[in-house]
C-alpha atoms as a PDB file:
ATOM      1  CA  MET A   1    -130.726 -39.811 253.650  1.00  0.00           C
ATOM      2  CA  ARG A   2    -131.241 -40.984 257.241  1.00  0.00           C
ATOM      3  CA  ARG A   3    -128.502 -43.552 256.884  1.00  0.00           C
ATOM      4  CA  LEU A   4    -126.059 -40.912 255.632  1.00  0.00           C
ATOM      5  CA  ARG A   5    -126.938 -38.606 258.528  1.00  0.00           C
ATOM      6  CA  TRP A   6    -126.480 -41.487 260.971  1.00  0.00           C
ATOM      7  CA  GLN A   7    -123.077 -42.336 259.457  1.00  0.00           C
ATOM      8  CA  ILE A   8    -121.972 -38.715 259.739  1.00  0.00           C
ATOM      9  CA  GLU A   9    -123.117 -38.543 263.370  1.00  0.00           C
ATOM     10  CA  VAL A  10    -121.267 -41.751 264.194  1.00  0.00           C
ATOM     11  CA  TRP A  11    -118.113 -40.497 262.483  1.00  0.00           C
ATOM     12  CA  ILE A  12    -118.214 -37.196 264.400  1.00  0.00           C
ATOM     13  CA  THR A  13    -118.853 -39.000 267.681  1.00  0.00           C
ATOM     14  CA  LEU A  14    -116.012 -41.456 267.186  1.00  0.00           C
ATOM     15  CA  SER A  15    -113.633 -38.713 266.059  1.00  0.00           C
ATOM     16  CA  LEU A  16    -114.356 -36.646 269.150  1.00  0.00           C
ATOM     17  CA  ALA A  17    -113.991 -39.716 271.362  1.00  0.00           C
ATOM     18  CA  ARG A  18    -110.576 -40.456 269.841  1.00  0.00           C
ATOM     19  CA  ILE A  19    -109.463 -36.876 270.410  1.00  0.00           C
ATOM     20  CA  CYS A  20    -110.573 -37.071 274.035  1.00  0.00           C
ATOM     21  CA  LEU A  21    -108.716 -40.326 274.575  1.00  0.00           C
ATOM     22  CA  LEU A  22    -105.591 -39.022 272.907  1.00  0.00           C
ATOM     23  CA  ALA A  23    -105.714 -35.799 274.872  1.00  0.00           C
ATOM     24  CA  GLY A  24    -105.930 -37.797 278.069  1.00  0.00           C
ATOM     25  CA  ARG A  25    -107.042 -34.780 280.027  1.00  0.00           C
ATOM     26  CA  ARG A  26    -110.203 -34.591 282.026  1.00  0.00           C
ATOM     27  CA  ARG A  27    -110.859 -30.979 281.120  1.00  0.00           C
ATOM     28  CA  GLY A  28    -110.418 -31.684 277.423  1.00  0.00           C
ATOM     29  CA  ALA A  29    -112.812 -34.605 277.643  1.00  0.00           C
ATOM     30  CA  LEU A  30    -115.394 -32.416 279.390  1.00  0.00           C
ATOM     31  CA  VAL A  31    -115.080 -29.710 276.751  1.00  0.00           C
ATOM     32  CA  TYR A  32    -115.531 -32.175 273.903  1.00  0.00           C
ATOM     33  CA  GLY A  33    -118.424 -33.806 275.736  1.00  0.00           C
ATOM     34  CA  ARG A  34    -120.163 -30.454 276.038  1.00  0.00           C
ATOM     35  CA  VAL A  35    -119.534 -29.700 272.363  1.00  0.00           C
ATOM     36  CA  LEU A  36    -120.848 -33.094 271.316  1.00  0.00           C
ATOM     37  CA  GLY A  37    -123.874 -32.762 273.587  1.00  0.00           C
ATOM     38  CA  GLY A  38    -124.577 -29.291 272.235  1.00  0.00           C
ATOM     39  CA  LEU A  39    -124.398 -30.530 268.657  1.00  0.00           C
ATOM     40  CA  ALA A  40    -126.669 -33.458 269.423  1.00  0.00           C
ATOM     41  CA  TYR A  41    -129.167 -31.138 271.098  1.00  0.00           C
ATOM     42  CA  ALA A  42    -129.057 -28.663 268.225  1.00  0.00           C
ATOM     43  CA  LEU A  43    -129.304 -31.257 265.455  1.00  0.00           C
ATOM     44  CA  GLY A  44    -131.777 -33.610 267.100  1.00  0.00           C
ATOM     45  CA  MET A  45    -134.956 -31.554 266.673  1.00  0.00           C
ATOM     46  CA  ARG A  46    -137.314 -34.539 266.699  1.00  0.00           C
ATOM     47  CA  VAL A  47    -135.722 -36.069 269.779  1.00  0.00           C
ATOM     48  CA  ARG A  48    -135.603 -32.696 271.523  1.00  0.00           C
ATOM     49  CA  LYS A  49    -139.321 -32.113 270.897  1.00  0.00           C
ATOM     50  CA  ARG A  50    -140.138 -35.573 272.245  1.00  0.00           C
ATOM     51  CA  THR A  51    -137.915 -35.035 275.266  1.00  0.00           C
ATOM     52  CA  LEU A  52    -139.550 -31.701 276.088  1.00  0.00           C
ATOM     53  CA  ALA A  53    -143.027 -33.202 275.649  1.00  0.00           C
ATOM     54  CA  ASN A  54    -142.149 -36.021 278.065  1.00  0.00           C
ATOM     55  CA  LEU A  55    -140.683 -33.572 280.562  1.00  0.00           C
ATOM     56  CA  ARG A  56    -143.850 -31.446 280.406  1.00  0.00           C
ATOM     57  CA  ILE A  57    -145.886 -34.535 281.292  1.00  0.00           C
ATOM     58  CA  ALA A  58    -143.516 -35.575 284.079  1.00  0.00           C
ATOM     59  CA  PHE A  59    -143.080 -32.071 285.547  1.00  0.00           C
ATOM     60  CA  PRO A  60    -146.196 -29.997 284.772  1.00  0.00           C
ATOM     61  CA  ASP A  61    -145.354 -27.465 287.480  1.00  0.00           C
ATOM     62  CA  ARG A  62    -141.917 -26.549 286.102  1.00  0.00           C
ATOM     63  CA  SER A  63    -141.292 -23.566 283.827  1.00  0.00           C
ATOM     64  CA  GLU A  64    -140.427 -23.942 280.156  1.00  0.00           C
ATOM     65  CA  GLU A  65    -136.960 -22.550 280.804  1.00  0.00           C
ATOM     66  CA  GLU A  66    -136.296 -25.115 283.506  1.00  0.00           C
ATOM     67  CA  LEU A  67    -137.528 -27.961 281.295  1.00  0.00           C
ATOM     68  CA  ARG A  68    -135.162 -26.856 278.519  1.00  0.00           C
ATOM     69  CA  ARG A  69    -132.277 -26.758 280.991  1.00  0.00           C
ATOM     70  CA  ILE A  70    -133.101 -30.291 282.152  1.00  0.00           C
ATOM     71  CA  ALA A  71    -133.308 -31.484 278.539  1.00  0.00           C
ATOM     72  CA  ARG A  72    -129.898 -30.037 277.729  1.00  0.00           C
ATOM     73  CA  GLU A  73    -128.305 -31.811 280.673  1.00  0.00           C
END
């Protein structure tokens, strides 16, 4: 199951990269990059949890909202 998910993620990533290259526009590439980043953030629950845990350790004085914003970037 993990292998299938990985293959789907790779296919989506490569497809979006091809579209960006074919579009040849900076704005289009930024839009697709944001979409891809948003999908990765939404689908990567385990990685997101680990990222937030690491950010909490690194920045204990920051708010939860700020840590989530950093993680999304």
